[in-house]
Amino acid sequence: KALKDQKDINIMVEGHTDNVPISKKSTYMQDNWDLSVMRATSITKILVKGGVAPSQIVAAGKGEFSPLVSNDVAQNKQKNRRTEIIITPDLDELFKLLESN
């Protein structure tokens, strides 16, 4: 609810995975890139359903390439399987504001 009223922001939803390859490949999911995009897209759909404008959101997948911690033990792998929401100002609106002053 808090995000849907914020028209002057952009939202990037990033999906991440651990470094374990996909064991059951399908038409939709061939590798960790695909899995990370699906994670981000799932959260994006929840935000849109909650009223956030689709034009404000970007879904991105980073696969296993931006781990928080080393993938050396199961507990760390779990930390790397995540989705991050990054909120940034809408720079177009900021520039318009600056130009008007």
PDB file of N, CA and C in Angstrom:
ATOM      1  N   LYS A   1       0.826  -1.192   0.000  1.00  0.00           N
ATOM      2  CA  LYS A   1       0.000   0.000   0.000  1.00  0.00           C
ATOM      3  C   LYS A   1       0.868   1.254   0.000  1.00  0.00           C
ATOM      4  N   ALA A   2       1.943   1.243   0.745  1.00  0.00           N
ATOM      5  CA  ALA A   2       2.804   2.429   0.817  1.00  0.00           C
ATOM      6  C   ALA A   2       3.412   2.754  -0.541  1.00  0.00           C
ATOM      7  N   LEU A   3       3.744   1.736  -1.308  1.00  0.00           N
ATOM      8  CA  LEU A   3       4.389   1.963  -2.603  1.00  0.00           C
ATOM      9  C   LEU A   3       3.416   2.467  -3.662  1.00  0.00           C
ATOM     10  N   LYS A   4       2.169   2.041  -3.604  1.00  0.00           N
ATOM     11  CA  LYS A   4       1.236   2.417  -4.673  1.00  0.00           C
ATOM     12  C   LYS A   4       0.950   3.908  -4.707  1.00  0.00           C
ATOM     13  N   ASP A   5       1.105   4.586  -3.587  1.00  0.00           N
ATOM     14  CA  ASP A   5       0.858   6.023  -3.536  1.00  0.00           C
ATOM     15  C   ASP A   5       2.078   6.851  -3.929  1.00  0.00           C
ATOM     16  N   GLN A   6       3.202   6.215  -4.122  1.00  0.00           N
ATOM     17  CA  GLN A   6       4.448   6.913  -4.460  1.00  0.00           C
ATOM     18  C   GLN A   6       4.622   6.951  -5.976  1.00  0.00           C
ATOM     19  N   LYS A   7       4.197   8.024  -6.594  1.00  0.00           N
ATOM     20  CA  LYS A   7       4.266   8.137  -8.054  1.00  0.00           C
ATOM     21  C   LYS A   7       5.613   8.666  -8.537  1.00  0.00           C
ATOM     22  N   ASP A   8       6.450   9.130  -7.616  1.00  0.00           N
ATOM     23  CA  ASP A   8       7.727   9.733  -8.000  1.00  0.00           C
ATOM     24  C   ASP A   8       8.915   8.796  -7.765  1.00  0.00           C
ATOM     25  N   ILE A   9       8.644   7.495  -7.789  1.00  0.00           N
ATOM     26  CA  ILE A   9       9.719   6.513  -7.604  1.00  0.00           C
ATOM     27  C   ILE A   9       9.685   5.471  -8.719  1.00  0.00           C
ATOM     28  N   ASN A  10      10.793   4.798  -8.884  1.00  0.00           N
ATOM     29  CA  ASN A  10      10.881   3.610  -9.728  1.00  0.00           C
ATOM     30  C   ASN A  10      11.278   2.447  -8.835  1.00  0.00           C
ATOM     31  N   ILE A  11      10.833   1.271  -9.189  1.00  0.00           N
ATOM     32  CA  ILE A  11      11.088   0.086  -8.382  1.00  0.00           C
ATOM     33  C   ILE A  11      11.750  -0.964  -9.257  1.00  0.00           C
ATOM     34  N   MET A  12      12.894  -1.457  -8.817  1.00  0.00           N
ATOM     35  CA  MET A  12      13.532  -2.577  -9.496  1.00  0.00           C
ATOM     36  C   MET A  12      13.442  -3.787  -8.571  1.00  0.00           C
ATOM     37  N   VAL A  13      12.916  -4.867  -9.097  1.00  0.00           N
ATOM     38  CA  VAL A  13      12.828  -6.113  -8.352  1.00  0.00           C
ATOM     39  C   VAL A  13      13.871  -7.055  -8.939  1.00  0.00           C
ATOM     40  N   GLU A  14      14.838  -7.450  -8.126  1.00  0.00           N
ATOM     41  CA  GLU A  14      15.927  -8.326  -8.581  1.00  0.00           C
ATOM     42  C   GLU A  14      15.782  -9.705  -7.955  1.00  0.00           C
ATOM     43  N   GLY A  15      15.791 -10.727  -8.801  1.00  0.00           N
ATOM     44  CA  GLY A  15      15.796 -12.097  -8.324  1.00  0.00           C
ATOM     45  C   GLY A  15      17.214 -12.646  -8.330  1.00  0.00           C
ATOM     46  N   HIS A  16      17.531 -13.472  -7.341  1.00  0.00           N
ATOM     47  CA  HIS A  16      18.862 -14.063  -7.200  1.00  0.00           C
ATOM     48  C   HIS A  16      18.728 -15.553  -6.888  1.00  0.00           C
ATOM     49  N   THR A  17      19.781 -16.302  -7.178  1.00  0.00           N
ATOM     50  CA  THR A  17      19.806 -17.732  -6.873  1.00  0.00           C
ATOM     51  C   THR A  17      21.139 -18.097  -6.223  1.00  0.00           C
ATOM     52  N   ASP A  18      21.217 -19.342  -5.763  1.00  0.00           N
ATOM     53  CA  ASP A  18      22.512 -19.872  -5.351  1.00  0.00           C
ATOM     54  C   ASP A  18      23.207 -20.402  -6.603  1.00  0.00           C
ATOM     55  N   ASN A  19      24.280 -21.128  -6.429  1.00  0.00           N
ATOM     56  CA  ASN A  19      25.039 -21.591  -7.600  1.00  0.00           C
ATOM     57  C   ASN A  19      24.738 -23.034  -8.002  1.00  0.00           C
ATOM     58  N   VAL A  20      23.672 -23.599  -7.465  1.00  0.00           N
ATOM     59  CA  VAL A  20      23.293 -24.967  -7.818  1.00  0.00           C
ATOM     60  C   VAL A  20      22.517 -24.934  -9.134  1.00  0.00           C
ATOM     61  N   PRO A  21      22.977 -25.667 -10.150  1.00  0.00           N
ATOM     62  CA  PRO A  21      22.267 -25.671 -11.438  1.00  0.00           C
ATOM     63  C   PRO A  21      20.843 -26.226 -11.311  1.00  0.00           C
ATOM     64  N   ILE A  22      19.977 -25.792 -12.198  1.00  0.00           N
ATOM     65  CA  ILE A  22      18.602 -26.286 -12.247  1.00  0.00           C
ATOM     66  C   ILE A  22      18.637 -27.773 -12.588  1.00  0.00           C
ATOM     67  N   SER A  23      17.979 -28.585 -11.761  1.00  0.00           N
ATOM     68  CA  SER A  23      18.021 -30.030 -12.005  1.00  0.00           C
ATOM     69  C   SER A  23      16.918 -30.494 -12.958  1.00  0.00           C
ATOM     70  N   LYS A  24      15.756 -29.855 -12.889  1.00  0.00           N
ATOM     71  CA  LYS A  24      14.645 -30.238 -13.770  1.00  0.00           C
ATOM     72  C   LYS A  24      14.362 -29.090 -14.726  1.00  0.00           C
ATOM     73  N   LYS A  25      15.033 -29.108 -15.845  1.00  0.00           N
ATOM     74  CA  LYS A  25      14.836 -28.051 -16.834  1.00  0.00           C
ATOM     75  C   LYS A  25      13.481 -28.212 -17.502  1.00  0.00           C
ATOM     76  N   SER A  26      12.887 -27.076 -17.847  1.00  0.00           N
ATOM     77  CA  SER A  26      11.591 -27.089 -18.517  1.00  0.00           C
ATOM     78  C   SER A  26      11.621 -26.063 -19.641  1.00  0.00           C
ATOM     79  N   THR A  27      10.512 -25.942 -20.315  1.00  0.00           N
ATOM     80  CA  THR A  27      10.401 -24.951 -21.379  1.00  0.00           C
ATOM     81  C   THR A  27      10.625 -23.547 -20.833  1.00  0.00           C
ATOM     82  N   TYR A  28      10.179 -23.318 -19.599  1.00  0.00           N
ATOM     83  CA  TYR A  28      10.235 -21.985 -19.012  1.00  0.00           C
ATOM     84  C   TYR A  28      11.492 -21.721 -18.195  1.00  0.00           C
ATOM     85  N   MET A  29      12.135 -22.782 -17.728  1.00  0.00           N
ATOM     86  CA  MET A  29      13.273 -22.594 -16.848  1.00  0.00           C
ATOM     87  C   MET A  29      14.413 -23.529 -17.243  1.00  0.00           C
ATOM     88  N   GLN A  30      15.432 -22.936 -17.858  1.00  0.00           N
ATOM     89  CA  GLN A  30      16.587 -23.703 -18.306  1.00  0.00           C
ATOM     90  C   GLN A  30      17.776 -23.592 -17.354  1.00  0.00           C
ATOM     91  N   ASP A  31      17.852 -22.468 -16.635  1.00  0.00           N
ATOM     92  CA  ASP A  31      19.025 -22.234 -15.795  1.00  0.00           C
ATOM     93  C   ASP A  31      18.692 -21.234 -14.685  1.00  0.00           C
ATOM     94  N   ASN A  32      19.699 -20.878 -13.905  1.00  0.00           N
ATOM     95  CA  ASN A  32      19.484 -19.961 -12.787  1.00  0.00           C
ATOM     96  C   ASN A  32      19.095 -18.550 -13.225  1.00  0.00           C
ATOM     97  N   TRP A  33      19.489 -18.152 -14.431  1.00  0.00           N
ATOM     98  CA  TRP A  33      19.024 -16.855 -14.950  1.00  0.00           C
ATOM     99  C   TRP A  33      17.493 -16.863 -15.012  1.00  0.00           C
ATOM    100  N   ASP A  34      16.954 -17.920 -15.615  1.00  0.00           N
ATOM    101  CA  ASP A  34      15.501 -18.020 -15.755  1.00  0.00           C
ATOM    102  C   ASP A  34      14.816 -18.040 -14.387  1.00  0.00           C
ATOM    103  N   LEU A  35      15.366 -18.822 -13.456  1.00  0.00           N
ATOM    104  CA  LEU A  35      14.785 -18.905 -12.114  1.00  0.00           C
ATOM    105  C   LEU A  35      14.788 -17.541 -11.432  1.00  0.00           C
ATOM    106  N   SER A  36      15.874 -16.816 -11.559  1.00  0.00           N
ATOM    107  CA  SER A  36      15.957 -15.505 -10.901  1.00  0.00           C
ATOM    108  C   SER A  36      14.966 -14.513 -11.513  1.00  0.00           C
ATOM    109  N   VAL A  37      14.777 -14.574 -12.817  1.00  0.00           N
ATOM    110  CA  VAL A  37      13.784 -13.704 -13.465  1.00  0.00           C
ATOM    111  C   VAL A  37      12.376 -14.074 -13.006  1.00  0.00           C
ATOM    112  N   MET A  38      12.110 -15.367 -12.878  1.00  0.00           N
ATOM    113  CA  MET A  38      10.787 -15.801 -12.415  1.00  0.00           C
ATOM    114  C   MET A  38      10.526 -15.329 -10.984  1.00  0.00           C
ATOM    115  N   ARG A  39      11.547 -15.363 -10.151  1.00  0.00           N
ATOM    116  CA  ARG A  39      11.391 -14.851  -8.781  1.00  0.00           C
ATOM    117  C   ARG A  39      11.027 -13.367  -8.810  1.00  0.00           C
ATOM    118  N   ALA A  40      11.760 -12.603  -9.594  1.00  0.00           N
ATOM    119  CA  ALA A  40      11.508 -11.162  -9.675  1.00  0.00           C
ATOM    120  C   ALA A  40      10.123 -10.879 -10.253  1.00  0.00           C
ATOM    121  N   THR A  41       9.741 -11.626 -11.267  1.00  0.00           N
ATOM    122  CA  THR A  41       8.441 -11.425 -11.903  1.00  0.00           C
ATOM    123  C   THR A  41       7.303 -11.748 -10.942  1.00  0.00           C
ATOM    124  N   SER A  42       7.467 -12.763 -10.121  1.00  0.00           N
ATOM    125  CA  SER A  42       6.430 -13.111  -9.137  1.00  0.00           C
ATOM    126  C   SER A  42       6.175 -11.960  -8.175  1.00  0.00           C
ATOM    127  N   ILE A  43       7.237 -11.356  -7.685  1.00  0.00           N
ATOM    128  CA  ILE A  43       7.090 -10.222  -6.769  1.00  0.00           C
ATOM    129  C   ILE A  43       6.509  -9.014  -7.505  1.00  0.00           C
ATOM    130  N   THR A  44       6.937  -8.805  -8.740  1.00  0.00           N
ATOM    131  CA  THR A  44       6.414  -7.699  -9.543  1.00  0.00           C
ATOM    132  C   THR A  44       4.903  -7.819  -9.699  1.00  0.00           C
ATOM    133  N   LYS A  45       4.417  -9.012  -9.983  1.00  0.00           N
ATOM    134  CA  LYS A  45       2.971  -9.226 -10.141  1.00  0.00           C
ATOM    135  C   LYS A  45       2.216  -8.937  -8.847  1.00  0.00           C
ATOM    136  N   ILE A  46       2.812  -9.285  -7.711  1.00  0.00           N
ATOM    137  CA  ILE A  46       2.184  -8.986  -6.420  1.00  0.00           C
ATOM    138  C   ILE A  46       2.094  -7.475  -6.222  1.00  0.00           C
ATOM    139  N   LEU A  47       3.156  -6.758  -6.554  1.00  0.00           N
ATOM    140  CA  LEU A  47       3.146  -5.294  -6.416  1.00  0.00           C
ATOM    141  C   LEU A  47       2.097  -4.655  -7.321  1.00  0.00           C
ATOM    142  N   VAL A  48       2.008  -5.126  -8.567  1.00  0.00           N
ATOM    143  CA  VAL A  48       1.020  -4.584  -9.511  1.00  0.00           C
ATOM    144  C   VAL A  48      -0.393  -4.887  -9.018  1.00  0.00           C
ATOM    145  N   LYS A  49      -0.609  -6.107  -8.544  1.00  0.00           N
ATOM    146  CA  LYS A  49      -1.926  -6.471  -8.010  1.00  0.00           C
ATOM    147  C   LYS A  49      -2.286  -5.587  -6.814  1.00  0.00           C
ATOM    148  N   GLY A  50      -1.268  -5.150  -6.077  1.00  0.00           N
ATOM    149  CA  GLY A  50      -1.480  -4.270  -4.933  1.00  0.00           C
ATOM    150  C   GLY A  50      -1.654  -2.809  -5.297  1.00  0.00           C
ATOM    151  N   GLY A  51      -1.574  -2.487  -6.589  1.00  0.00           N
ATOM    152  CA  GLY A  51      -1.855  -1.131  -7.022  1.00  0.00           C
ATOM    153  C   GLY A  51      -0.677  -0.323  -7.523  1.00  0.00           C
ATOM    154  N   VAL A  52       0.522  -0.889  -7.516  1.00  0.00           N
ATOM    155  CA  VAL A  52       1.676  -0.160  -8.049  1.00  0.00           C
ATOM    156  C   VAL A  52       1.576  -0.155  -9.573  1.00  0.00           C
ATOM    157  N   ALA A  53       1.837   0.979 -10.184  1.00  0.00           N
ATOM    158  CA  ALA A  53       1.752   1.098 -11.643  1.00  0.00           C
ATOM    159  C   ALA A  53       2.836   0.253 -12.311  1.00  0.00           C
ATOM    160  N   PRO A  54       2.468  -0.582 -13.280  1.00  0.00           N
ATOM    161  CA  PRO A  54       3.464  -1.407 -13.975  1.00  0.00           C
ATOM    162  C   PRO A  54       4.580  -0.586 -14.608  1.00  0.00           C
ATOM    163  N   SER A  55       4.276   0.646 -14.992  1.00  0.00           N
ATOM    164  CA  SER A  55       5.299   1.492 -15.615  1.00  0.00           C
ATOM    165  C   SER A  55       6.394   1.911 -14.639  1.00  0.00           C
ATOM    166  N   GLN A  56       6.158   1.724 -13.350  1.00  0.00           N
ATOM    167  CA  GLN A  56       7.150   2.082 -12.335  1.00  0.00           C
ATOM    168  C   GLN A  56       8.086   0.926 -11.994  1.00  0.00           C
ATOM    169  N   ILE A  57       7.811  -0.268 -12.499  1.00  0.00           N
ATOM    170  CA  ILE A  57       8.524  -1.456 -12.033  1.00  0.00           C
ATOM    171  C   ILE A  57       9.346  -2.083 -13.150  1.00  0.00           C
ATOM    172  N   VAL A  58      10.533  -2.542 -12.786  1.00  0.00           N
ATOM    173  CA  VAL A  58      11.381  -3.340 -13.670  1.00  0.00           C
ATOM    174  C   VAL A  58      11.714  -4.625 -12.928  1.00  0.00           C
ATOM    175  N   ALA A  59      11.521  -5.757 -13.585  1.00  0.00           N
ATOM    176  CA  ALA A  59      11.911  -7.049 -13.011  1.00  0.00           C
ATOM    177  C   ALA A  59      13.209  -7.491 -13.666  1.00  0.00           C
ATOM    178  N   ALA A  60      14.162  -7.914 -12.855  1.00  0.00           N
ATOM    179  CA  ALA A  60      15.467  -8.324 -13.377  1.00  0.00           C
ATOM    180  C   ALA A  60      15.935  -9.585 -12.668  1.00  0.00           C
ATOM    181  N   GLY A  61      16.657 -10.412 -13.408  1.00  0.00           N
ATOM    182  CA  GLY A  61      17.247 -11.610 -12.828  1.00  0.00           C
ATOM    183  C   GLY A  61      18.752 -11.545 -12.883  1.00  0.00           C
ATOM    184  N   LYS A  62      19.392 -11.856 -11.785  1.00  0.00           N
ATOM    185  CA  LYS A  62      20.852 -11.826 -11.729  1.00  0.00           C
ATOM    186  C   LYS A  62      21.449 -13.218 -11.582  1.00  0.00           C
ATOM    187  N   GLY A  63      20.603 -14.241 -11.595  1.00  0.00           N
ATOM    188  CA  GLY A  63      21.121 -15.596 -11.479  1.00  0.00           C
ATOM    189  C   GLY A  63      21.942 -15.770 -10.221  1.00  0.00           C
ATOM    190  N   GLU A  64      23.037 -16.509 -10.352  1.00  0.00           N
ATOM    191  CA  GLU A  64      23.922 -16.768  -9.212  1.00  0.00           C
ATOM    192  C   GLU A  64      25.087 -15.789  -9.145  1.00  0.00           C
ATOM    193  N   PHE A  65      25.033 -14.731  -9.922  1.00  0.00           N
ATOM    194  CA  PHE A  65      26.204 -13.882 -10.126  1.00  0.00           C
ATOM    195  C   PHE A  65      26.359 -12.709  -9.158  1.00  0.00           C
ATOM    196  N   SER A  66      25.433 -12.536  -8.224  1.00  0.00           N
ATOM    197  CA  SER A  66      25.565 -11.486  -7.201  1.00  0.00           C
ATOM    198  C   SER A  66      25.248 -12.055  -5.818  1.00  0.00           C
ATOM    199  N   PRO A  67      26.031 -13.019  -5.372  1.00  0.00           N
ATOM    200  CA  PRO A  67      25.742 -13.629  -4.067  1.00  0.00           C
ATOM    201  C   PRO A  67      26.031 -12.664  -2.915  1.00  0.00           C
ATOM    202  N   LEU A  68      25.244 -12.791  -1.852  1.00  0.00           N
ATOM    203  CA  LEU A  68      25.525 -12.035  -0.631  1.00  0.00           C
ATOM    204  C   LEU A  68      26.709 -12.640   0.108  1.00  0.00           C
ATOM    205  N   VAL A  69      26.745 -13.968   0.108  1.00  0.00           N
ATOM    206  CA  VAL A  69      27.787 -14.714   0.814  1.00  0.00           C
ATOM    207  C   VAL A  69      28.264 -15.854  -0.079  1.00  0.00           C
ATOM    208  N   SER A  70      29.361 -16.456   0.290  1.00  0.00           N
ATOM    209  CA  SER A  70      29.902 -17.591  -0.450  1.00  0.00           C
ATOM    210  C   SER A  70      28.885 -18.733  -0.481  1.00  0.00           C
ATOM    211  N   ASN A  71      28.830 -19.458  -1.575  1.00  0.00           N
ATOM    212  CA  ASN A  71      27.910 -20.586  -1.717  1.00  0.00           C
ATOM    213  C   ASN A  71      28.515 -21.895  -1.215  1.00  0.00           C
ATOM    214  N   ASP A  72      29.385 -21.833  -0.217  1.00  0.00           N
ATOM    215  CA  ASP A  72      30.129 -23.020   0.205  1.00  0.00           C
ATOM    216  C   ASP A  72      29.364 -23.955   1.133  1.00  0.00           C
ATOM    217  N   VAL A  73      28.343 -23.460   1.828  1.00  0.00           N
ATOM    218  CA  VAL A  73      27.545 -24.312   2.719  1.00  0.00           C
ATOM    219  C   VAL A  73      26.059 -24.035   2.490  1.00  0.00           C
ATOM    220  N   ALA A  74      25.219 -25.000   2.896  1.00  0.00           N
ATOM    221  CA  ALA A  74      23.780 -24.909   2.650  1.00  0.00           C
ATOM    222  C   ALA A  74      23.166 -23.637   3.231  1.00  0.00           C
ATOM    223  N   GLN A  75      23.593 -23.244   4.418  1.00  0.00           N
ATOM    224  CA  GLN A  75      23.036 -22.044   5.053  1.00  0.00           C
ATOM    225  C   GLN A  75      23.322 -20.796   4.216  1.00  0.00           C
ATOM    226  N   ASN A  76      24.499 -20.729   3.631  1.00  0.00           N
ATOM    227  CA  ASN A  76      24.833 -19.592   2.772  1.00  0.00           C
ATOM    228  C   ASN A  76      24.048 -19.630   1.468  1.00  0.00           C
ATOM    229  N   LYS A  77      23.889 -20.824   0.902  1.00  0.00           N
ATOM    230  CA  LYS A  77      23.111 -20.948  -0.335  1.00  0.00           C
ATOM    231  C   LYS A  77      21.699 -20.404  -0.123  1.00  0.00           C
ATOM    232  N   GLN A  78      21.141 -20.707   1.046  1.00  0.00           N
ATOM    233  CA  GLN A  78      19.796 -20.232   1.364  1.00  0.00           C
ATOM    234  C   GLN A  78      19.744 -18.703   1.376  1.00  0.00           C
ATOM    235  N   LYS A  79      20.767 -18.056   1.907  1.00  0.00           N
ATOM    236  CA  LYS A  79      20.808 -16.587   1.938  1.00  0.00           C
ATOM    237  C   LYS A  79      20.886 -15.997   0.532  1.00  0.00           C
ATOM    238  N   ASN A  80      21.498 -16.722  -0.384  1.00  0.00           N
ATOM    239  CA  ASN A  80      21.658 -16.218  -1.750  1.00  0.00           C
ATOM    240  C   ASN A  80      20.407 -16.403  -2.598  1.00  0.00           C
ATOM    241  N   ARG A  81      19.490 -17.259  -2.169  1.00  0.00           N
ATOM    242  CA  ARG A  81      18.216 -17.434  -2.872  1.00  0.00           C
ATOM    243  C   ARG A  81      17.256 -16.376  -2.334  1.00  0.00           C
ATOM    244  N   ARG A  82      17.160 -15.272  -3.046  1.00  0.00           N
ATOM    245  CA  ARG A  82      16.425 -14.136  -2.509  1.00  0.00           C
ATOM    246  C   ARG A  82      15.882 -13.246  -3.627  1.00  0.00           C
ATOM    247  N   THR A  83      15.043 -12.315  -3.216  1.00  0.00           N
ATOM    248  CA  THR A  83      14.560 -11.257  -4.093  1.00  0.00           C
ATOM    249  C   THR A  83      14.803  -9.935  -3.375  1.00  0.00           C
ATOM    250  N   GLU A  84      15.338  -8.966  -4.092  1.00  0.00           N
ATOM    251  CA  GLU A  84      15.583  -7.643  -3.526  1.00  0.00           C
ATOM    252  C   GLU A  84      14.703  -6.620  -4.234  1.00  0.00           C
ATOM    253  N   ILE A  85      14.192  -5.675  -3.463  1.00  0.00           N
ATOM    254  CA  ILE A  85      13.409  -4.577  -4.019  1.00  0.00           C
ATOM    255  C   ILE A  85      14.224  -3.303  -3.833  1.00  0.00           C
ATOM    256  N   ILE A  86      14.531  -2.652  -4.944  1.00  0.00           N
ATOM    257  CA  ILE A  86      15.357  -1.449  -4.930  1.00  0.00           C
ATOM    258  C   ILE A  86      14.489  -0.277  -5.378  1.00  0.00           C
ATOM    259  N   ILE A  87      14.384   0.715  -4.525  1.00  0.00           N
ATOM    260  CA  ILE A  87      13.546   1.878  -4.804  1.00  0.00           C
ATOM    261  C   ILE A  87      14.447   3.070  -5.103  1.00  0.00           C
ATOM    262  N   THR A  88      14.187   3.701  -6.243  1.00  0.00           N
ATOM    263  CA  THR A  88      14.977   4.866  -6.644  1.00  0.00           C
ATOM    264  C   THR A  88      14.038   6.005  -7.029  1.00  0.00           C
ATOM    265  N   PRO A  89      14.517   7.235  -6.934  1.00  0.00           N
ATOM    266  CA  PRO A  89      13.663   8.348  -7.362  1.00  0.00           C
ATOM    267  C   PRO A  89      13.460   8.309  -8.873  1.00  0.00           C
ATOM    268  N   ASP A  90      12.313   8.779  -9.306  1.00  0.00           N
ATOM    269  CA  ASP A  90      12.051   8.921 -10.738  1.00  0.00           C
ATOM    270  C   ASP A  90      12.834  10.141 -11.210  1.00  0.00           C
ATOM    271  N   LEU A  91      13.943   9.909 -11.871  1.00  0.00           N
ATOM    272  CA  LEU A  91      14.832  11.006 -12.258  1.00  0.00           C
ATOM    273  C   LEU A  91      14.186  11.958 -13.253  1.00  0.00           C
ATOM    274  N   ASP A  92      13.287  11.461 -14.090  1.00  0.00           N
ATOM    275  CA  ASP A  92      12.581  12.354 -15.019  1.00  0.00           C
ATOM    276  C   ASP A  92      11.805  13.415 -14.245  1.00  0.00           C
ATOM    277  N   GLU A  93      11.119  12.972 -13.204  1.00  0.00           N
ATOM    278  CA  GLU A  93      10.357  13.918 -12.385  1.00  0.00           C
ATOM    279  C   GLU A  93      11.290  14.876 -11.651  1.00  0.00           C
ATOM    280  N   LEU A  94      12.411  14.369 -11.180  1.00  0.00           N
ATOM    281  CA  LEU A  94      13.383  15.215 -10.496  1.00  0.00           C
ATOM    282  C   LEU A  94      13.931  16.289 -11.434  1.00  0.00           C
ATOM    283  N   PHE A  95      14.272  15.894 -12.661  1.00  0.00           N
ATOM    284  CA  PHE A  95      14.790  16.861 -13.629  1.00  0.00           C
ATOM    285  C   PHE A  95      13.738  17.913 -13.985  1.00  0.00           C
ATOM    286  N   LYS A  96      12.488  17.493 -14.115  1.00  0.00           N
ATOM    287  CA  LYS A  96      11.408  18.453 -14.390  1.00  0.00           C
ATOM    288  C   LYS A  96      11.294  19.467 -13.253  1.00  0.00           C
ATOM    289  N   LEU A  97      11.400  18.969 -12.039  1.00  0.00           N
ATOM    290  CA  LEU A  97      11.326  19.845 -10.878  1.00  0.00           C
ATOM    291  C   LEU A  97      12.482  20.836 -10.871  1.00  0.00           C
ATOM    292  N   LEU A  98      13.669  20.367 -11.174  1.00  0.00           N
ATOM    293  CA  LEU A  98      14.842  21.239 -11.198  1.00  0.00           C
ATOM    294  C   LEU A  98      14.746  22.285 -12.310  1.00  0.00           C
ATOM    295  N   GLU A  99      14.230  21.880 -13.469  1.00  0.00           N
ATOM    296  CA  GLU A  99      14.100  22.812 -14.594  1.00  0.00           C
ATOM    297  C   GLU A  99      13.063  23.896 -14.318  1.00  0.00           C
ATOM    298  N   SER A 100      12.045  23.559 -13.555  1.00  0.00           N
ATOM    299  CA  SER A 100      10.983  24.528 -13.282  1.00  0.00           C
ATOM    300  C   SER A 100      11.410  25.585 -12.264  1.00  0.00           C
ATOM    301  N   ASN A 101      12.504  25.338 -11.580  1.00  0.00           N
ATOM    302  CA  ASN A 101      12.974  26.310 -10.569  1.00  0.00           C
ATOM    303  C   ASN A 101      14.032  27.155 -11.109  1.00  0.00           C
TER     304      ASN A 101
END
